[in-house]
N, C-alpha and C. Protein backbone atom coordinates (compact mmCIF):
# COMPACT_ATOMS: atom_id res chain seq x y z
N MET A 1 -48.54 -47.20 24.61
CA MET A 1 -47.56 -46.12 24.69
C MET A 1 -46.18 -46.65 24.31
N LYS A 2 -45.52 -45.93 23.42
CA LYS A 2 -44.17 -46.30 23.00
C LYS A 2 -43.17 -45.37 23.68
N ILE A 3 -42.16 -45.96 24.31
CA ILE A 3 -41.17 -45.22 25.10
C ILE A 3 -39.77 -45.47 24.54
N PHE A 4 -39.01 -44.40 24.40
CA PHE A 4 -37.59 -44.48 24.08
C PHE A 4 -36.84 -44.12 25.35
N ALA A 5 -36.15 -45.09 25.94
CA ALA A 5 -35.49 -44.89 27.23
C ALA A 5 -33.98 -44.95 27.07
N ILE A 6 -33.30 -43.97 27.66
CA ILE A 6 -31.84 -43.94 27.63
C ILE A 6 -31.31 -43.50 29.00
N SER A 7 -30.03 -43.76 29.22
CA SER A 7 -29.39 -43.37 30.47
C SER A 7 -27.91 -43.13 30.23
N ASP A 8 -27.27 -42.48 31.18
CA ASP A 8 -25.82 -42.33 31.18
C ASP A 8 -25.30 -41.76 29.86
N ILE A 9 -25.80 -40.57 29.57
CA ILE A 9 -25.42 -39.84 28.37
C ILE A 9 -24.05 -39.18 28.57
N HIS A 10 -23.82 -38.70 29.77
CA HIS A 10 -22.54 -38.09 30.15
C HIS A 10 -22.07 -37.02 29.16
N GLY A 11 -23.02 -36.21 28.73
CA GLY A 11 -22.70 -35.06 27.89
C GLY A 11 -22.41 -35.37 26.44
N GLU A 12 -22.46 -36.63 26.04
CA GLU A 12 -22.13 -37.02 24.66
C GLU A 12 -23.39 -36.97 23.79
N ILE A 13 -23.45 -36.03 22.87
CA ILE A 13 -24.68 -35.83 22.09
C ILE A 13 -24.60 -36.40 20.68
N LYS A 14 -23.49 -37.03 20.30
CA LYS A 14 -23.31 -37.44 18.90
C LYS A 14 -24.35 -38.46 18.44
N HIS A 15 -24.89 -39.27 19.37
CA HIS A 15 -25.84 -40.31 18.96
C HIS A 15 -27.25 -39.79 18.76
N PHE A 16 -27.54 -38.56 19.18
CA PHE A 16 -28.91 -38.07 19.06
C PHE A 16 -29.35 -37.92 17.60
N ASP A 17 -28.46 -37.54 16.71
CA ASP A 17 -28.83 -37.44 15.30
C ASP A 17 -29.23 -38.80 14.75
N THR A 18 -28.48 -39.83 15.10
CA THR A 18 -28.81 -41.19 14.64
C THR A 18 -30.12 -41.67 15.24
N ALA A 19 -30.43 -41.19 16.44
CA ALA A 19 -31.64 -41.64 17.14
C ALA A 19 -32.87 -40.82 16.80
N THR A 20 -32.77 -39.90 15.85
CA THR A 20 -33.88 -38.98 15.56
C THR A 20 -35.20 -39.70 15.31
N GLU A 21 -35.19 -40.71 14.46
CA GLU A 21 -36.44 -41.40 14.13
C GLU A 21 -36.99 -42.18 15.33
N LEU A 22 -36.10 -42.71 16.16
CA LEU A 22 -36.56 -43.40 17.38
C LEU A 22 -37.24 -42.42 18.32
N ILE A 23 -36.67 -41.23 18.43
CA ILE A 23 -37.27 -40.19 19.29
C ILE A 23 -38.62 -39.74 18.73
N LYS A 24 -38.67 -39.49 17.44
CA LYS A 24 -39.91 -39.00 16.82
C LYS A 24 -41.04 -40.02 16.90
N SER A 25 -40.70 -41.30 16.82
CA SER A 25 -41.74 -42.33 16.82
C SER A 25 -42.21 -42.70 18.22
N ALA A 26 -41.53 -42.19 19.24
CA ALA A 26 -41.91 -42.51 20.63
C ALA A 26 -42.98 -41.54 21.13
N ASP A 27 -43.87 -42.05 21.97
CA ASP A 27 -44.82 -41.18 22.66
C ASP A 27 -44.18 -40.46 23.83
N LEU A 28 -43.09 -41.05 24.35
CA LEU A 28 -42.44 -40.51 25.53
C LEU A 28 -40.96 -40.88 25.50
N VAL A 29 -40.11 -39.91 25.85
CA VAL A 29 -38.68 -40.16 26.02
C VAL A 29 -38.37 -40.16 27.52
N VAL A 30 -37.70 -41.20 27.97
CA VAL A 30 -37.35 -41.33 29.38
C VAL A 30 -35.84 -41.25 29.54
N LEU A 31 -35.40 -40.36 30.42
CA LEU A 31 -33.98 -40.20 30.73
C LEU A 31 -33.73 -40.70 32.15
N CYS A 32 -32.90 -41.73 32.27
CA CYS A 32 -32.68 -42.36 33.57
C CYS A 32 -31.42 -41.87 34.27
N GLY A 33 -31.02 -40.64 34.01
CA GLY A 33 -29.97 -40.02 34.80
C GLY A 33 -28.59 -40.01 34.18
N ASP A 34 -27.68 -39.30 34.84
CA ASP A 34 -26.32 -39.03 34.36
C ASP A 34 -26.34 -38.42 32.96
N LEU A 35 -27.01 -37.28 32.88
CA LEU A 35 -27.06 -36.53 31.63
C LEU A 35 -25.70 -35.91 31.32
N THR A 36 -24.93 -35.59 32.35
CA THR A 36 -23.77 -34.73 32.17
C THR A 36 -22.45 -35.44 32.45
N ARG A 37 -21.39 -34.83 31.92
CA ARG A 37 -20.03 -35.19 32.29
C ARG A 37 -19.43 -34.10 33.17
N SER A 38 -19.68 -32.85 32.77
CA SER A 38 -19.17 -31.71 33.55
C SER A 38 -19.99 -31.48 34.81
N ARG A 39 -21.18 -32.13 34.89
CA ARG A 39 -22.10 -32.07 36.03
C ARG A 39 -22.88 -30.76 36.08
N SER A 40 -22.82 -29.96 35.03
CA SER A 40 -23.40 -28.62 35.07
C SER A 40 -24.78 -28.56 34.44
N ARG A 41 -25.52 -27.54 34.83
CA ARG A 41 -26.83 -27.26 34.24
C ARG A 41 -26.69 -26.95 32.75
N THR A 42 -25.65 -26.21 32.38
CA THR A 42 -25.45 -25.84 30.97
C THR A 42 -25.34 -27.07 30.09
N GLU A 43 -24.59 -28.06 30.55
CA GLU A 43 -24.44 -29.29 29.77
C GLU A 43 -25.76 -30.06 29.72
N ALA A 44 -26.49 -30.09 30.83
CA ALA A 44 -27.80 -30.76 30.84
C ALA A 44 -28.76 -30.10 29.86
N GLU A 45 -28.73 -28.77 29.80
CA GLU A 45 -29.58 -28.05 28.84
C GLU A 45 -29.22 -28.43 27.41
N LYS A 46 -27.94 -28.58 27.13
CA LYS A 46 -27.49 -28.96 25.79
C LYS A 46 -28.00 -30.34 25.42
N VAL A 47 -27.91 -31.28 26.36
CA VAL A 47 -28.39 -32.64 26.12
C VAL A 47 -29.90 -32.65 25.88
N VAL A 48 -30.64 -32.01 26.77
CA VAL A 48 -32.10 -32.03 26.66
C VAL A 48 -32.58 -31.31 25.39
N SER A 49 -31.87 -30.28 24.97
CA SER A 49 -32.27 -29.56 23.76
C SER A 49 -32.21 -30.46 22.53
N CYS A 50 -31.34 -31.47 22.54
CA CYS A 50 -31.27 -32.41 21.41
C CYS A 50 -32.57 -33.20 21.27
N ILE A 51 -33.23 -33.45 22.39
CA ILE A 51 -34.51 -34.15 22.37
C ILE A 51 -35.65 -33.19 22.09
N GLU A 52 -35.58 -32.01 22.69
CA GLU A 52 -36.66 -31.02 22.53
C GLU A 52 -36.82 -30.54 21.09
N ARG A 53 -35.83 -30.75 20.26
CA ARG A 53 -35.99 -30.43 18.83
C ARG A 53 -37.11 -31.26 18.20
N HIS A 54 -37.39 -32.41 18.82
CA HIS A 54 -38.37 -33.34 18.25
C HIS A 54 -39.60 -33.54 19.13
N THR A 55 -39.44 -33.42 20.45
CA THR A 55 -40.56 -33.64 21.36
C THR A 55 -40.25 -33.04 22.73
N THR A 56 -41.30 -32.64 23.42
CA THR A 56 -41.15 -32.23 24.82
C THR A 56 -41.85 -33.23 25.74
N ASN A 57 -42.22 -34.37 25.20
CA ASN A 57 -42.79 -35.44 26.02
C ASN A 57 -41.64 -36.21 26.66
N ILE A 58 -41.16 -35.68 27.76
CA ILE A 58 -39.95 -36.18 28.41
C ILE A 58 -40.20 -36.38 29.90
N ILE A 59 -39.72 -37.50 30.41
CA ILE A 59 -39.69 -37.76 31.86
C ILE A 59 -38.26 -38.11 32.22
N ALA A 60 -37.78 -37.58 33.34
CA ALA A 60 -36.37 -37.76 33.66
C ALA A 60 -36.12 -37.80 35.15
N VAL A 61 -34.98 -38.37 35.49
CA VAL A 61 -34.39 -38.21 36.82
C VAL A 61 -32.92 -37.85 36.61
N HIS A 62 -32.32 -37.22 37.60
CA HIS A 62 -30.89 -36.93 37.55
C HIS A 62 -30.10 -38.16 38.00
N GLY A 63 -28.82 -38.19 37.65
CA GLY A 63 -27.97 -39.29 38.06
C GLY A 63 -27.03 -38.91 39.19
N ASN A 64 -26.24 -39.85 39.63
CA ASN A 64 -25.34 -39.57 40.74
C ASN A 64 -24.19 -38.63 40.36
N TRP A 65 -23.91 -38.50 39.05
CA TRP A 65 -22.87 -37.56 38.60
C TRP A 65 -23.45 -36.20 38.26
N ASP A 66 -24.77 -36.04 38.30
CA ASP A 66 -25.41 -34.75 38.00
C ASP A 66 -25.56 -33.93 39.27
N ARG A 67 -25.07 -32.71 39.24
CA ARG A 67 -25.19 -31.82 40.40
C ARG A 67 -26.65 -31.46 40.66
N ASP A 68 -26.89 -30.86 41.81
CA ASP A 68 -28.24 -30.46 42.19
C ASP A 68 -28.83 -29.47 41.19
N GLU A 69 -27.99 -28.68 40.54
CA GLU A 69 -28.49 -27.72 39.55
C GLU A 69 -29.10 -28.44 38.34
N VAL A 70 -28.67 -29.66 38.07
CA VAL A 70 -29.28 -30.45 37.00
C VAL A 70 -30.68 -30.91 37.42
N ARG A 71 -30.79 -31.35 38.67
CA ARG A 71 -32.11 -31.74 39.19
C ARG A 71 -33.09 -30.57 39.11
N THR A 72 -32.67 -29.38 39.56
CA THR A 72 -33.58 -28.23 39.56
C THR A 72 -33.91 -27.79 38.13
N PHE A 73 -32.97 -27.95 37.20
CA PHE A 73 -33.27 -27.67 35.79
C PHE A 73 -34.37 -28.59 35.27
N LEU A 74 -34.25 -29.89 35.55
CA LEU A 74 -35.26 -30.85 35.10
C LEU A 74 -36.61 -30.57 35.75
N GLU A 75 -36.60 -30.19 37.02
CA GLU A 75 -37.84 -29.84 37.70
C GLU A 75 -38.46 -28.59 37.08
N GLY A 76 -37.63 -27.60 36.78
CA GLY A 76 -38.13 -26.38 36.17
C GLY A 76 -38.77 -26.60 34.82
N ARG A 77 -38.25 -27.57 34.09
CA ARG A 77 -38.81 -27.92 32.78
C ARG A 77 -40.09 -28.76 32.91
N GLY A 78 -40.34 -29.26 34.11
CA GLY A 78 -41.51 -30.13 34.31
C GLY A 78 -41.26 -31.57 33.91
N TYR A 79 -39.98 -31.95 33.79
CA TYR A 79 -39.63 -33.29 33.34
C TYR A 79 -39.31 -34.26 34.48
N SER A 80 -38.90 -33.73 35.62
CA SER A 80 -38.40 -34.59 36.69
C SER A 80 -39.52 -35.33 37.42
N VAL A 81 -39.26 -36.61 37.71
CA VAL A 81 -40.15 -37.38 38.58
C VAL A 81 -39.39 -37.86 39.82
N HIS A 82 -38.32 -37.17 40.16
CA HIS A 82 -37.58 -37.50 41.39
C HIS A 82 -38.44 -37.16 42.60
N GLY A 83 -38.85 -38.18 43.34
CA GLY A 83 -39.67 -37.97 44.53
C GLY A 83 -41.09 -37.54 44.23
N ARG A 84 -41.53 -37.76 43.02
CA ARG A 84 -42.90 -37.37 42.63
C ARG A 84 -43.38 -38.30 41.53
N GLY A 85 -44.66 -38.15 41.17
CA GLY A 85 -45.23 -39.01 40.15
C GLY A 85 -46.12 -38.25 39.19
N ARG A 86 -46.27 -38.80 37.99
CA ARG A 86 -47.16 -38.24 36.96
C ARG A 86 -47.89 -39.38 36.27
N THR A 87 -49.15 -39.16 35.95
CA THR A 87 -49.92 -40.16 35.22
C THR A 87 -50.18 -39.64 33.81
N ILE A 88 -49.79 -40.43 32.83
CA ILE A 88 -49.93 -40.07 31.42
C ILE A 88 -50.63 -41.22 30.71
N GLY A 89 -51.78 -40.93 30.14
CA GLY A 89 -52.51 -41.97 29.41
C GLY A 89 -52.83 -43.18 30.27
N GLY A 90 -53.10 -42.96 31.53
CA GLY A 90 -53.44 -44.05 32.44
C GLY A 90 -52.25 -44.80 33.01
N ILE A 91 -51.04 -44.43 32.60
CA ILE A 91 -49.82 -45.07 33.10
C ILE A 91 -49.15 -44.13 34.09
N GLY A 92 -48.84 -44.63 35.27
CA GLY A 92 -48.22 -43.82 36.31
C GLY A 92 -46.70 -43.95 36.29
N PHE A 93 -46.04 -42.82 36.27
CA PHE A 93 -44.58 -42.78 36.29
C PHE A 93 -44.12 -42.10 37.59
N PHE A 94 -43.21 -42.73 38.28
CA PHE A 94 -42.63 -42.11 39.48
C PHE A 94 -41.15 -42.45 39.50
N GLY A 95 -40.37 -41.72 40.32
CA GLY A 95 -38.95 -41.96 40.20
C GLY A 95 -38.10 -41.52 41.36
N VAL A 96 -36.82 -41.88 41.21
CA VAL A 96 -35.79 -41.45 42.15
C VAL A 96 -34.49 -41.30 41.39
N GLY A 97 -33.85 -40.14 41.58
CA GLY A 97 -32.58 -39.88 40.92
C GLY A 97 -31.41 -40.15 41.84
N GLY A 98 -30.22 -39.78 41.38
CA GLY A 98 -29.02 -40.03 42.15
C GLY A 98 -28.77 -41.52 42.33
N SER A 99 -28.10 -41.85 43.40
CA SER A 99 -27.83 -43.27 43.68
C SER A 99 -27.64 -43.45 45.18
N SER A 100 -27.60 -44.71 45.57
CA SER A 100 -27.16 -45.00 46.93
C SER A 100 -25.67 -44.67 47.02
N GLN A 101 -25.13 -44.71 48.22
CA GLN A 101 -23.77 -44.23 48.44
C GLN A 101 -22.75 -45.14 47.77
N THR A 102 -21.74 -44.51 47.17
CA THR A 102 -20.71 -45.22 46.41
C THR A 102 -19.33 -44.94 46.99
N PRO A 103 -18.35 -45.79 46.68
CA PRO A 103 -16.98 -45.53 47.14
C PRO A 103 -16.37 -44.27 46.51
N MET A 104 -16.98 -43.79 45.41
CA MET A 104 -16.42 -42.64 44.69
C MET A 104 -16.92 -41.31 45.23
N ASN A 105 -17.89 -41.35 46.16
CA ASN A 105 -18.42 -40.12 46.77
C ASN A 105 -18.86 -39.12 45.69
N THR A 106 -19.75 -39.57 44.80
CA THR A 106 -20.22 -38.73 43.71
C THR A 106 -21.19 -37.67 44.22
N VAL A 107 -21.60 -36.76 43.33
CA VAL A 107 -22.23 -35.51 43.80
C VAL A 107 -23.69 -35.65 44.22
N SER A 108 -24.39 -36.68 43.76
CA SER A 108 -25.80 -36.85 44.13
C SER A 108 -26.01 -38.27 44.65
N GLU A 109 -25.69 -38.46 45.90
CA GLU A 109 -25.88 -39.74 46.56
C GLU A 109 -26.82 -39.57 47.76
N TYR A 110 -27.61 -40.62 48.03
CA TYR A 110 -28.58 -40.57 49.11
C TYR A 110 -28.45 -41.82 49.97
N THR A 111 -28.90 -41.72 51.21
CA THR A 111 -28.99 -42.91 52.05
C THR A 111 -30.14 -43.78 51.54
N GLU A 112 -30.12 -45.04 51.93
CA GLU A 112 -31.22 -45.93 51.53
C GLU A 112 -32.55 -45.45 52.11
N ASP A 113 -32.53 -44.88 53.30
CA ASP A 113 -33.75 -44.34 53.90
C ASP A 113 -34.29 -43.17 53.07
N GLU A 114 -33.40 -42.32 52.59
CA GLU A 114 -33.84 -41.20 51.75
C GLU A 114 -34.43 -41.71 50.44
N ILE A 115 -33.79 -42.69 49.83
CA ILE A 115 -34.31 -43.26 48.59
C ILE A 115 -35.69 -43.85 48.81
N ALA A 116 -35.87 -44.56 49.91
CA ALA A 116 -37.18 -45.16 50.23
C ALA A 116 -38.25 -44.07 50.35
N GLU A 117 -37.91 -42.94 50.95
CA GLU A 117 -38.87 -41.86 51.11
C GLU A 117 -39.22 -41.22 49.77
N PHE A 118 -38.24 -41.02 48.91
CA PHE A 118 -38.51 -40.48 47.56
C PHE A 118 -39.46 -41.41 46.81
N LEU A 119 -39.25 -42.70 46.92
CA LEU A 119 -40.09 -43.68 46.24
C LEU A 119 -41.52 -43.65 46.78
N ARG A 120 -41.66 -43.60 48.09
CA ARG A 120 -43.01 -43.56 48.69
C ARG A 120 -43.77 -42.31 48.25
N ALA A 121 -43.08 -41.18 48.23
CA ALA A 121 -43.73 -39.91 47.86
C ALA A 121 -44.21 -39.96 46.42
N GLY A 122 -43.37 -40.43 45.52
CA GLY A 122 -43.77 -40.49 44.11
C GLY A 122 -44.88 -41.49 43.86
N TYR A 123 -44.82 -42.63 44.56
CA TYR A 123 -45.83 -43.68 44.38
C TYR A 123 -47.20 -43.19 44.82
N CYS A 124 -47.24 -42.38 45.86
CA CYS A 124 -48.52 -41.84 46.33
C CYS A 124 -49.20 -40.98 45.28
N ASP A 125 -48.40 -40.36 44.41
CA ASP A 125 -48.96 -39.48 43.38
C ASP A 125 -49.65 -40.24 42.26
N ILE A 126 -49.42 -41.56 42.14
CA ILE A 126 -49.95 -42.30 40.98
C ILE A 126 -50.86 -43.45 41.42
N GLY A 127 -51.49 -43.28 42.56
CA GLY A 127 -52.27 -44.36 43.14
C GLY A 127 -53.31 -44.97 42.24
N GLY A 128 -53.95 -44.16 41.38
CA GLY A 128 -55.03 -44.68 40.54
C GLY A 128 -54.60 -45.19 39.18
N ALA A 129 -53.31 -45.21 38.90
CA ALA A 129 -52.83 -45.60 37.57
C ALA A 129 -52.99 -47.09 37.33
N GLY A 130 -53.34 -47.44 36.08
CA GLY A 130 -53.53 -48.84 35.73
C GLY A 130 -52.23 -49.62 35.72
N LYS A 131 -51.16 -48.99 35.20
CA LYS A 131 -49.83 -49.58 35.22
C LYS A 131 -48.88 -48.58 35.86
N LYS A 132 -47.87 -49.11 36.54
CA LYS A 132 -46.95 -48.23 37.28
C LYS A 132 -45.52 -48.49 36.82
N VAL A 133 -44.84 -47.40 36.48
CA VAL A 133 -43.48 -47.48 35.95
C VAL A 133 -42.55 -46.66 36.84
N LEU A 134 -41.51 -47.31 37.34
CA LEU A 134 -40.51 -46.67 38.17
C LEU A 134 -39.31 -46.28 37.30
N ILE A 135 -38.94 -44.99 37.36
CA ILE A 135 -37.74 -44.49 36.70
C ILE A 135 -36.70 -44.25 37.79
N SER A 136 -35.65 -45.06 37.80
CA SER A 136 -34.63 -44.96 38.85
C SER A 136 -33.26 -44.96 38.19
N HIS A 137 -32.41 -44.01 38.60
CA HIS A 137 -31.05 -44.08 38.06
C HIS A 137 -30.37 -45.36 38.54
N ALA A 138 -30.49 -45.66 39.82
CA ALA A 138 -29.85 -46.85 40.38
C ALA A 138 -30.75 -48.07 40.21
N PRO A 139 -30.19 -49.20 39.78
CA PRO A 139 -30.99 -50.43 39.71
C PRO A 139 -31.31 -50.95 41.10
N PRO A 140 -32.26 -51.88 41.18
CA PRO A 140 -32.45 -52.59 42.45
C PRO A 140 -31.20 -53.44 42.75
N ARG A 141 -30.90 -53.58 44.00
CA ARG A 141 -29.71 -54.35 44.38
C ARG A 141 -29.79 -55.78 43.84
N LYS A 142 -28.71 -56.22 43.22
CA LYS A 142 -28.54 -57.57 42.68
C LYS A 142 -29.40 -57.85 41.45
N VAL A 143 -29.88 -56.79 40.81
CA VAL A 143 -30.63 -56.95 39.56
C VAL A 143 -30.07 -55.94 38.55
N ARG A 144 -29.44 -56.41 37.50
CA ARG A 144 -28.83 -55.56 36.47
C ARG A 144 -27.93 -54.50 37.10
N ASP A 145 -27.14 -54.89 38.11
CA ASP A 145 -26.31 -53.91 38.82
C ASP A 145 -24.87 -54.38 39.04
N ARG A 146 -24.48 -55.48 38.37
CA ARG A 146 -23.14 -56.01 38.61
C ARG A 146 -22.10 -55.24 37.80
N THR A 147 -21.08 -54.75 38.48
CA THR A 147 -20.03 -53.99 37.82
C THR A 147 -19.03 -54.93 37.14
N PHE A 148 -18.14 -54.36 36.36
CA PHE A 148 -17.18 -55.19 35.63
C PHE A 148 -16.19 -55.91 36.56
N ILE A 149 -16.10 -55.47 37.82
CA ILE A 149 -15.25 -56.19 38.77
C ILE A 149 -16.07 -57.11 39.68
N GLY A 150 -17.35 -57.27 39.34
CA GLY A 150 -18.18 -58.25 40.04
C GLY A 150 -18.92 -57.75 41.25
N LEU A 151 -18.81 -56.46 41.57
CA LEU A 151 -19.53 -55.92 42.71
C LEU A 151 -20.94 -55.49 42.32
N HIS A 152 -21.84 -55.42 43.30
CA HIS A 152 -23.21 -54.96 43.05
C HIS A 152 -23.32 -53.48 43.42
N GLY A 153 -23.83 -52.68 42.47
CA GLY A 153 -23.93 -51.24 42.69
C GLY A 153 -25.33 -50.71 42.82
N GLY A 154 -26.30 -51.59 43.02
CA GLY A 154 -27.69 -51.17 43.09
C GLY A 154 -28.13 -50.77 44.49
N SER A 155 -29.39 -50.37 44.60
CA SER A 155 -29.96 -49.87 45.84
C SER A 155 -30.86 -50.92 46.49
N TRP A 156 -30.62 -51.15 47.79
CA TRP A 156 -31.50 -52.04 48.54
C TRP A 156 -32.91 -51.45 48.66
N ALA A 157 -33.00 -50.13 48.80
CA ALA A 157 -34.32 -49.50 48.95
C ALA A 157 -35.16 -49.68 47.70
N VAL A 158 -34.54 -49.57 46.53
CA VAL A 158 -35.27 -49.79 45.27
C VAL A 158 -35.74 -51.24 45.19
N ARG A 159 -34.86 -52.16 45.55
CA ARG A 159 -35.24 -53.58 45.52
C ARG A 159 -36.41 -53.85 46.48
N ASP A 160 -36.30 -53.36 47.72
CA ASP A 160 -37.35 -53.60 48.70
C ASP A 160 -38.67 -53.00 48.26
N PHE A 161 -38.61 -51.81 47.64
CA PHE A 161 -39.85 -51.17 47.22
C PHE A 161 -40.56 -52.00 46.15
N ILE A 162 -39.79 -52.49 45.18
CA ILE A 162 -40.39 -53.33 44.13
C ILE A 162 -40.95 -54.62 44.72
N ASN A 163 -40.25 -55.18 45.69
CA ASN A 163 -40.72 -56.43 46.30
C ASN A 163 -42.00 -56.25 47.11
N ASN A 164 -42.27 -55.03 47.55
CA ASN A 164 -43.40 -54.81 48.46
C ASN A 164 -44.52 -53.96 47.87
N ASN A 165 -44.39 -53.58 46.59
CA ASN A 165 -45.41 -52.75 45.95
C ASN A 165 -45.63 -53.22 44.51
N SER A 166 -46.74 -52.79 43.95
CA SER A 166 -47.07 -53.16 42.58
C SER A 166 -46.35 -52.22 41.62
N VAL A 167 -45.29 -52.73 40.99
CA VAL A 167 -44.52 -51.97 40.00
C VAL A 167 -44.40 -52.86 38.76
N ASP A 168 -44.94 -52.39 37.65
CA ASP A 168 -44.95 -53.22 36.44
C ASP A 168 -43.62 -53.19 35.70
N LEU A 169 -42.96 -52.03 35.72
CA LEU A 169 -41.74 -51.85 34.94
C LEU A 169 -40.81 -50.90 35.69
N CYS A 170 -39.53 -51.22 35.68
CA CYS A 170 -38.53 -50.36 36.30
C CYS A 170 -37.42 -50.10 35.27
N LEU A 171 -37.26 -48.82 34.89
CA LEU A 171 -36.24 -48.42 33.92
C LEU A 171 -35.08 -47.78 34.67
N VAL A 172 -33.86 -48.29 34.43
CA VAL A 172 -32.70 -47.88 35.22
C VAL A 172 -31.47 -47.66 34.33
N GLY A 173 -30.39 -47.23 34.97
CA GLY A 173 -29.11 -47.06 34.30
C GLY A 173 -28.00 -47.31 35.32
N HIS A 174 -27.08 -46.34 35.44
CA HIS A 174 -26.06 -46.28 36.49
C HIS A 174 -24.89 -47.23 36.24
N ILE A 175 -25.15 -48.52 36.14
CA ILE A 175 -24.09 -49.50 35.93
C ILE A 175 -24.05 -49.82 34.43
N HIS A 176 -23.13 -49.17 33.73
CA HIS A 176 -23.12 -49.21 32.27
C HIS A 176 -23.07 -50.63 31.72
N GLU A 177 -22.21 -51.45 32.32
CA GLU A 177 -21.97 -52.79 31.78
C GLU A 177 -23.07 -53.78 32.13
N ALA A 178 -24.05 -53.35 32.92
CA ALA A 178 -25.13 -54.26 33.36
C ALA A 178 -26.37 -54.13 32.50
N HIS A 179 -26.22 -53.62 31.27
CA HIS A 179 -27.39 -53.46 30.40
C HIS A 179 -28.05 -54.82 30.16
N GLY A 180 -29.38 -54.79 30.08
CA GLY A 180 -30.14 -56.01 29.88
C GLY A 180 -31.46 -55.94 30.62
N VAL A 181 -32.21 -57.02 30.55
CA VAL A 181 -33.56 -57.10 31.11
C VAL A 181 -33.63 -58.29 32.06
N GLU A 182 -34.30 -58.09 33.19
CA GLU A 182 -34.40 -59.13 34.21
C GLU A 182 -35.72 -58.96 34.96
N GLN A 183 -36.22 -60.04 35.52
CA GLN A 183 -37.46 -60.00 36.29
C GLN A 183 -37.14 -59.91 37.78
N LEU A 184 -37.85 -59.04 38.49
CA LEU A 184 -37.80 -58.98 39.95
C LEU A 184 -39.23 -58.99 40.46
N ARG A 185 -39.60 -60.06 41.12
CA ARG A 185 -40.98 -60.26 41.56
C ARG A 185 -41.89 -60.11 40.34
N ASN A 186 -42.86 -59.19 40.35
CA ASN A 186 -43.74 -59.02 39.20
C ASN A 186 -43.33 -57.87 38.29
N SER A 187 -42.12 -57.37 38.51
CA SER A 187 -41.65 -56.20 37.76
C SER A 187 -40.58 -56.60 36.75
N ILE A 188 -40.66 -55.98 35.57
CA ILE A 188 -39.59 -56.10 34.58
C ILE A 188 -38.59 -54.98 34.85
N VAL A 189 -37.33 -55.34 35.01
CA VAL A 189 -36.27 -54.36 35.23
C VAL A 189 -35.40 -54.29 33.98
N ALA A 190 -35.28 -53.08 33.41
CA ALA A 190 -34.49 -52.90 32.19
C ALA A 190 -33.42 -51.84 32.41
N ASN A 191 -32.17 -52.26 32.31
CA ASN A 191 -31.04 -51.34 32.36
C ASN A 191 -30.65 -51.05 30.91
N SER A 192 -30.79 -49.79 30.50
CA SER A 192 -30.53 -49.44 29.11
C SER A 192 -29.04 -49.40 28.78
N GLY A 193 -28.19 -49.42 29.80
CA GLY A 193 -26.77 -49.27 29.53
C GLY A 193 -26.43 -47.81 29.27
N CYS A 194 -25.36 -47.59 28.54
CA CYS A 194 -24.79 -46.26 28.39
C CYS A 194 -25.10 -45.67 27.01
N PHE A 195 -25.90 -44.60 26.98
CA PHE A 195 -26.22 -43.96 25.70
C PHE A 195 -24.97 -43.30 25.11
N LYS A 196 -24.01 -42.97 25.94
CA LYS A 196 -22.74 -42.45 25.42
C LYS A 196 -22.13 -43.44 24.43
N LYS A 197 -22.43 -44.72 24.60
CA LYS A 197 -21.98 -45.77 23.69
C LYS A 197 -23.08 -46.23 22.75
N GLY A 198 -24.21 -45.49 22.74
CA GLY A 198 -25.28 -45.76 21.78
C GLY A 198 -26.34 -46.72 22.22
N ARG A 199 -26.35 -47.14 23.47
CA ARG A 199 -27.33 -48.14 23.92
C ARG A 199 -28.66 -47.48 24.33
N TYR A 200 -29.74 -48.20 24.11
CA TYR A 200 -31.08 -47.69 24.40
C TYR A 200 -32.05 -48.84 24.62
N THR A 201 -33.24 -48.50 25.13
CA THR A 201 -34.33 -49.46 25.31
C THR A 201 -35.59 -48.91 24.68
N LEU A 202 -36.28 -49.73 23.92
CA LEU A 202 -37.60 -49.39 23.40
C LEU A 202 -38.64 -50.18 24.18
N VAL A 203 -39.67 -49.49 24.65
CA VAL A 203 -40.73 -50.11 25.44
C VAL A 203 -42.07 -49.85 24.76
N ASP A 204 -42.90 -50.87 24.72
CA ASP A 204 -44.28 -50.72 24.22
C ASP A 204 -45.21 -51.21 25.32
N ILE A 205 -45.99 -50.27 25.87
CA ILE A 205 -46.92 -50.61 26.95
C ILE A 205 -48.34 -50.60 26.42
N GLY A 206 -48.95 -51.77 26.41
CA GLY A 206 -50.35 -51.92 26.05
C GLY A 206 -51.01 -52.79 27.10
N SER A 207 -51.72 -53.82 26.68
CA SER A 207 -52.25 -54.78 27.64
C SER A 207 -51.12 -55.55 28.30
N SER A 208 -50.00 -55.64 27.59
CA SER A 208 -48.78 -56.22 28.14
C SER A 208 -47.62 -55.26 27.86
N ILE A 209 -46.44 -55.59 28.37
CA ILE A 209 -45.26 -54.75 28.18
C ILE A 209 -44.22 -55.53 27.39
N THR A 210 -43.77 -54.96 26.27
CA THR A 210 -42.71 -55.58 25.49
C THR A 210 -41.52 -54.62 25.43
N LEU A 211 -40.32 -55.19 25.42
CA LEU A 211 -39.10 -54.39 25.40
C LEU A 211 -38.14 -54.92 24.35
N ASN A 212 -37.40 -54.01 23.75
CA ASN A 212 -36.31 -54.35 22.87
C ASN A 212 -35.16 -53.40 23.16
N GLN A 213 -33.97 -53.97 23.29
CA GLN A 213 -32.79 -53.14 23.52
C GLN A 213 -31.91 -53.14 22.29
N GLY A 214 -31.26 -52.01 22.04
CA GLY A 214 -30.42 -51.91 20.86
C GLY A 214 -29.23 -51.02 21.08
N LYS A 215 -28.42 -50.92 20.02
CA LYS A 215 -27.23 -50.08 20.05
C LYS A 215 -27.11 -49.37 18.71
N LEU A 216 -26.94 -48.06 18.76
CA LEU A 216 -26.85 -47.27 17.54
C LEU A 216 -25.49 -47.45 16.87
């Protein structure tokens, strides 16, 4: 399975035209949250429509800057894996949107206990999957989560879940400057960075998992 993963679009659609061939060649497009800048459903619809011109094979979670109306829009489209899971081609996808609590008091923040519960619920849905992929807006704490001022912005609940469960791949965003790939226990963690600035991750899942990150 070939995946085109992006995050932190923040309403900026100019890169979608350049990414057309990447979207078309992917079996699945993954959105790791923060679709909007205005935080509205209307803006989320505009962003998602840029992808739907080429494919409706989309899995997504909302970000901490996306209002609840964005989450319900993604659920209505059948794209959201926030607190739930889907198995596609033998690969299980589950997720959690929003983020742990931040100093900025953004619109979709959860306690670590709530995040842990969303993760447990989604993981239960994919019990029989051969490979398991976590889609989380927030990175695991201390993994691809360091901000430009040196603070860690990830979630302890996400980190603990990966440490205590079988997760092959974790696709994240949230901390724009922390783009890159890192190992946590047996899981590959990939922060795609900010698609508003053209960053993305390509994933190929077969007998093994390979990743390449790029910038448009």
